[in-house]
Amino acid sequence: MIVASGFVDVNELNDVKRVTGELRMRGIEVDEVKDEKIVFLIERETMAQVRTELDSLKDIDGVRGVYLAYYSLEGADEEPL
């Protein structure tokens, strides 16, 4: 499982509710909302899926910017041999 965390900036406070709803519909956890910033957590099976999800966030109406703060490495959750 690959995990990525960051935040999105929305254009206006009026956009926060709609954008958080869209994130949740996409299966993205919304951890915190402060002013125009929405902190998110994405969990997917592969790095490609995480990358696709991150790239699509900027296309949500009302999103000004997407910022990545953390991501796990592929295979980091596997037990060593």
N, C-alpha and C. Protein backbone atom coordinates (compact mmCIF):
# COMPACT_ATOMS: atom_id res chain seq x y z
N MET A 1 0.85 -1.17 0.00
CA MET A 1 0.00 0.00 0.00
C MET A 1 0.90 1.24 0.00
N ILE A 2 0.62 2.15 -0.90
CA ILE A 2 1.34 3.42 -1.00
C ILE A 2 0.47 4.50 -0.36
N VAL A 3 1.10 5.35 0.43
CA VAL A 3 0.39 6.42 1.13
C VAL A 3 1.00 7.74 0.70
N ALA A 4 0.15 8.72 0.42
CA ALA A 4 0.60 10.07 0.09
C ALA A 4 -0.26 11.06 0.85
N SER A 5 0.39 12.09 1.36
CA SER A 5 -0.33 13.11 2.12
C SER A 5 0.11 14.49 1.64
N GLY A 6 -0.80 15.42 1.72
CA GLY A 6 -0.50 16.79 1.32
C GLY A 6 -1.71 17.66 1.55
N PHE A 7 -1.78 18.76 0.81
CA PHE A 7 -2.96 19.61 0.94
C PHE A 7 -3.28 20.26 -0.39
N VAL A 8 -4.54 20.64 -0.53
CA VAL A 8 -4.97 21.42 -1.68
C VAL A 8 -5.38 22.80 -1.19
N ASP A 9 -5.06 23.79 -2.00
CA ASP A 9 -5.53 25.16 -1.78
C ASP A 9 -6.74 25.35 -2.67
N VAL A 10 -7.80 25.91 -2.12
CA VAL A 10 -8.97 26.22 -2.93
C VAL A 10 -9.01 27.72 -3.20
N ASN A 11 -9.73 28.10 -4.23
CA ASN A 11 -9.80 29.51 -4.63
C ASN A 11 -10.47 30.38 -3.58
N GLU A 12 -11.57 29.89 -3.01
CA GLU A 12 -12.36 30.67 -2.05
C GLU A 12 -12.88 29.75 -0.96
N LEU A 13 -13.22 30.32 0.18
CA LEU A 13 -13.83 29.53 1.26
C LEU A 13 -15.10 28.83 0.79
N ASN A 14 -15.81 29.44 -0.14
CA ASN A 14 -17.04 28.83 -0.67
C ASN A 14 -16.78 27.50 -1.38
N ASP A 15 -15.55 27.28 -1.83
CA ASP A 15 -15.21 26.06 -2.57
C ASP A 15 -14.87 24.88 -1.65
N VAL A 16 -14.62 25.14 -0.37
CA VAL A 16 -14.14 24.10 0.55
C VAL A 16 -15.10 22.92 0.63
N LYS A 17 -16.37 23.18 0.84
CA LYS A 17 -17.34 22.09 1.01
C LYS A 17 -17.43 21.22 -0.24
N ARG A 18 -17.48 21.84 -1.40
CA ARG A 18 -17.58 21.09 -2.65
C ARG A 18 -16.32 20.26 -2.90
N VAL A 19 -15.15 20.85 -2.67
CA VAL A 19 -13.89 20.14 -2.92
C VAL A 19 -13.71 18.99 -1.93
N THR A 20 -14.02 19.20 -0.65
CA THR A 20 -13.91 18.10 0.32
C THR A 20 -14.86 16.97 -0.05
N GLY A 21 -16.05 17.30 -0.52
CA GLY A 21 -16.99 16.29 -0.96
C GLY A 21 -16.46 15.49 -2.13
N GLU A 22 -15.84 16.17 -3.08
CA GLU A 22 -15.25 15.50 -4.25
C GLU A 22 -14.09 14.59 -3.83
N LEU A 23 -13.26 15.05 -2.91
CA LEU A 23 -12.15 14.22 -2.42
C LEU A 23 -12.69 12.95 -1.78
N ARG A 24 -13.68 13.09 -0.94
CA ARG A 24 -14.26 11.91 -0.26
C ARG A 24 -14.91 10.96 -1.26
N MET A 25 -15.57 11.50 -2.29
CA MET A 25 -16.17 10.64 -3.32
C MET A 25 -15.11 9.82 -4.04
N ARG A 26 -13.91 10.36 -4.15
CA ARG A 26 -12.81 9.66 -4.81
C ARG A 26 -12.09 8.70 -3.87
N GLY A 27 -12.56 8.58 -2.64
CA GLY A 27 -11.93 7.67 -1.68
C GLY A 27 -10.68 8.24 -1.04
N ILE A 28 -10.59 9.57 -1.01
CA ILE A 28 -9.45 10.26 -0.41
C ILE A 28 -9.88 10.76 0.96
N GLU A 29 -9.09 10.45 1.97
CA GLU A 29 -9.41 10.86 3.33
C GLU A 29 -9.08 12.35 3.51
N VAL A 30 -10.03 13.08 4.09
CA VAL A 30 -9.82 14.49 4.42
C VAL A 30 -9.52 14.55 5.91
N ASP A 31 -8.28 14.95 6.24
CA ASP A 31 -7.84 14.95 7.63
C ASP A 31 -8.16 16.24 8.37
N GLU A 32 -8.05 17.36 7.68
CA GLU A 32 -8.23 18.65 8.35
C GLU A 32 -8.54 19.71 7.30
N VAL A 33 -9.32 20.70 7.72
CA VAL A 33 -9.61 21.85 6.87
C VAL A 33 -9.31 23.10 7.68
N LYS A 34 -8.50 23.99 7.11
CA LYS A 34 -8.20 25.26 7.76
C LYS A 34 -8.18 26.34 6.70
N ASP A 35 -9.11 27.27 6.84
CA ASP A 35 -9.26 28.35 5.85
C ASP A 35 -9.43 27.73 4.46
N GLU A 36 -8.54 28.09 3.52
CA GLU A 36 -8.64 27.56 2.16
C GLU A 36 -7.76 26.34 1.91
N LYS A 37 -7.25 25.71 2.96
CA LYS A 37 -6.39 24.53 2.82
C LYS A 37 -7.11 23.28 3.32
N ILE A 38 -7.03 22.22 2.52
CA ILE A 38 -7.63 20.94 2.86
C ILE A 38 -6.51 19.89 2.88
N VAL A 39 -6.27 19.31 4.04
CA VAL A 39 -5.23 18.28 4.19
C VAL A 39 -5.83 16.93 3.82
N PHE A 40 -5.13 16.17 2.97
CA PHE A 40 -5.66 14.90 2.49
C PHE A 40 -4.67 13.76 2.69
N LEU A 41 -5.21 12.54 2.62
CA LEU A 41 -4.41 11.32 2.68
C LEU A 41 -4.94 10.37 1.60
N ILE A 42 -4.05 9.94 0.73
CA ILE A 42 -4.40 9.00 -0.34
C ILE A 42 -3.72 7.67 -0.05
N GLU A 43 -4.47 6.58 -0.13
CA GLU A 43 -3.92 5.23 0.01
C GLU A 43 -4.31 4.43 -1.23
N ARG A 44 -3.33 3.94 -1.96
CA ARG A 44 -3.58 3.14 -3.15
C ARG A 44 -2.59 1.99 -3.19
N GLU A 45 -2.83 1.02 -4.05
CA GLU A 45 -2.00 -0.18 -4.15
C GLU A 45 -0.65 0.09 -4.82
N THR A 46 -0.61 0.97 -5.81
CA THR A 46 0.64 1.20 -6.54
C THR A 46 0.96 2.69 -6.61
N MET A 47 2.23 2.99 -6.87
CA MET A 47 2.66 4.37 -7.03
C MET A 47 1.98 5.00 -8.25
N ALA A 48 1.76 4.22 -9.29
CA ALA A 48 1.09 4.75 -10.49
C ALA A 48 -0.32 5.21 -10.15
N GLN A 49 -1.04 4.46 -9.33
CA GLN A 49 -2.39 4.86 -8.93
C GLN A 49 -2.35 6.15 -8.10
N VAL A 50 -1.38 6.26 -7.21
CA VAL A 50 -1.25 7.48 -6.40
C VAL A 50 -0.94 8.67 -7.30
N ARG A 51 -0.02 8.49 -8.23
CA ARG A 51 0.36 9.57 -9.15
C ARG A 51 -0.83 10.02 -9.99
N THR A 52 -1.59 9.08 -10.50
CA THR A 52 -2.78 9.41 -11.29
C THR A 52 -3.77 10.21 -10.45
N GLU A 53 -3.99 9.77 -9.22
CA GLU A 53 -4.92 10.46 -8.32
C GLU A 53 -4.43 11.87 -8.02
N LEU A 54 -3.15 12.01 -7.71
CA LEU A 54 -2.59 13.34 -7.42
C LEU A 54 -2.72 14.27 -8.62
N ASP A 55 -2.40 13.76 -9.81
CA ASP A 55 -2.50 14.58 -11.02
C ASP A 55 -3.92 15.05 -11.29
N SER A 56 -4.90 14.23 -10.92
CA SER A 56 -6.29 14.59 -11.20
C SER A 56 -6.85 15.62 -10.21
N LEU A 57 -6.19 15.79 -9.06
CA LEU A 57 -6.72 16.73 -8.06
C LEU A 57 -6.74 18.16 -8.57
N LYS A 58 -5.76 18.53 -9.39
CA LYS A 58 -5.70 19.90 -9.88
C LYS A 58 -6.85 20.22 -10.84
N ASP A 59 -7.51 19.19 -11.35
CA ASP A 59 -8.62 19.40 -12.28
C ASP A 59 -9.97 19.57 -11.58
N ILE A 60 -10.00 19.43 -10.26
CA ILE A 60 -11.25 19.64 -9.51
C ILE A 60 -11.57 21.13 -9.54
N ASP A 61 -12.79 21.45 -9.90
CA ASP A 61 -13.22 22.84 -9.96
C ASP A 61 -13.07 23.50 -8.59
N GLY A 62 -12.39 24.63 -8.55
CA GLY A 62 -12.18 25.35 -7.30
C GLY A 62 -10.82 25.14 -6.67
N VAL A 63 -10.05 24.17 -7.19
CA VAL A 63 -8.71 23.90 -6.64
C VAL A 63 -7.70 24.83 -7.31
N ARG A 64 -6.97 25.55 -6.48
CA ARG A 64 -5.93 26.47 -6.97
C ARG A 64 -4.58 25.77 -7.09
N GLY A 65 -4.27 24.88 -6.13
CA GLY A 65 -2.98 24.20 -6.15
C GLY A 65 -3.01 22.93 -5.33
N VAL A 66 -2.12 21.99 -5.67
CA VAL A 66 -2.00 20.71 -4.97
C VAL A 66 -0.55 20.59 -4.50
N TYR A 67 -0.37 20.28 -3.22
CA TYR A 67 0.96 20.22 -2.63
C TYR A 67 1.15 18.89 -1.92
N LEU A 68 2.22 18.19 -2.26
CA LEU A 68 2.52 16.90 -1.67
C LEU A 68 3.51 17.10 -0.52
N ALA A 69 3.18 16.58 0.65
CA ALA A 69 4.05 16.71 1.82
C ALA A 69 4.80 15.42 2.13
N TYR A 70 4.20 14.26 1.82
CA TYR A 70 4.79 12.97 2.18
C TYR A 70 4.27 11.90 1.25
N TYR A 71 5.12 10.94 0.93
CA TYR A 71 4.66 9.71 0.28
C TYR A 71 5.55 8.56 0.72
N SER A 72 4.97 7.37 0.79
CA SER A 72 5.74 6.19 1.18
C SER A 72 6.36 5.57 -0.06
N LEU A 73 7.39 4.79 0.16
CA LEU A 73 8.06 4.12 -0.94
C LEU A 73 7.36 2.80 -1.24
N GLU A 74 7.36 2.44 -2.50
CA GLU A 74 6.75 1.18 -2.91
C GLU A 74 7.49 0.03 -2.24
N GLY A 75 6.74 -0.87 -1.60
CA GLY A 75 7.33 -2.01 -0.92
C GLY A 75 7.73 -1.74 0.52
N ALA A 76 7.55 -0.51 0.99
CA ALA A 76 7.95 -0.16 2.36
C ALA A 76 7.11 -0.87 3.41
N ASP A 77 5.90 -1.29 3.04
CA ASP A 77 5.02 -1.97 4.00
C ASP A 77 5.20 -3.49 4.00
N GLU A 78 6.14 -4.00 3.20
CA GLU A 78 6.36 -5.44 3.13
C GLU A 78 7.39 -5.86 4.18
N GLU A 79 7.23 -7.07 4.68
CA GLU A 79 8.15 -7.62 5.67
C GLU A 79 9.47 -7.97 4.99
N PRO A 80 10.61 -7.70 5.64
CA PRO A 80 11.89 -8.11 5.07
C PRO A 80 12.01 -9.64 5.07
N LEU A 81 12.77 -10.17 4.13
CA LEU A 81 12.94 -11.62 4.03
C LEU A 81 13.84 -12.16 5.08
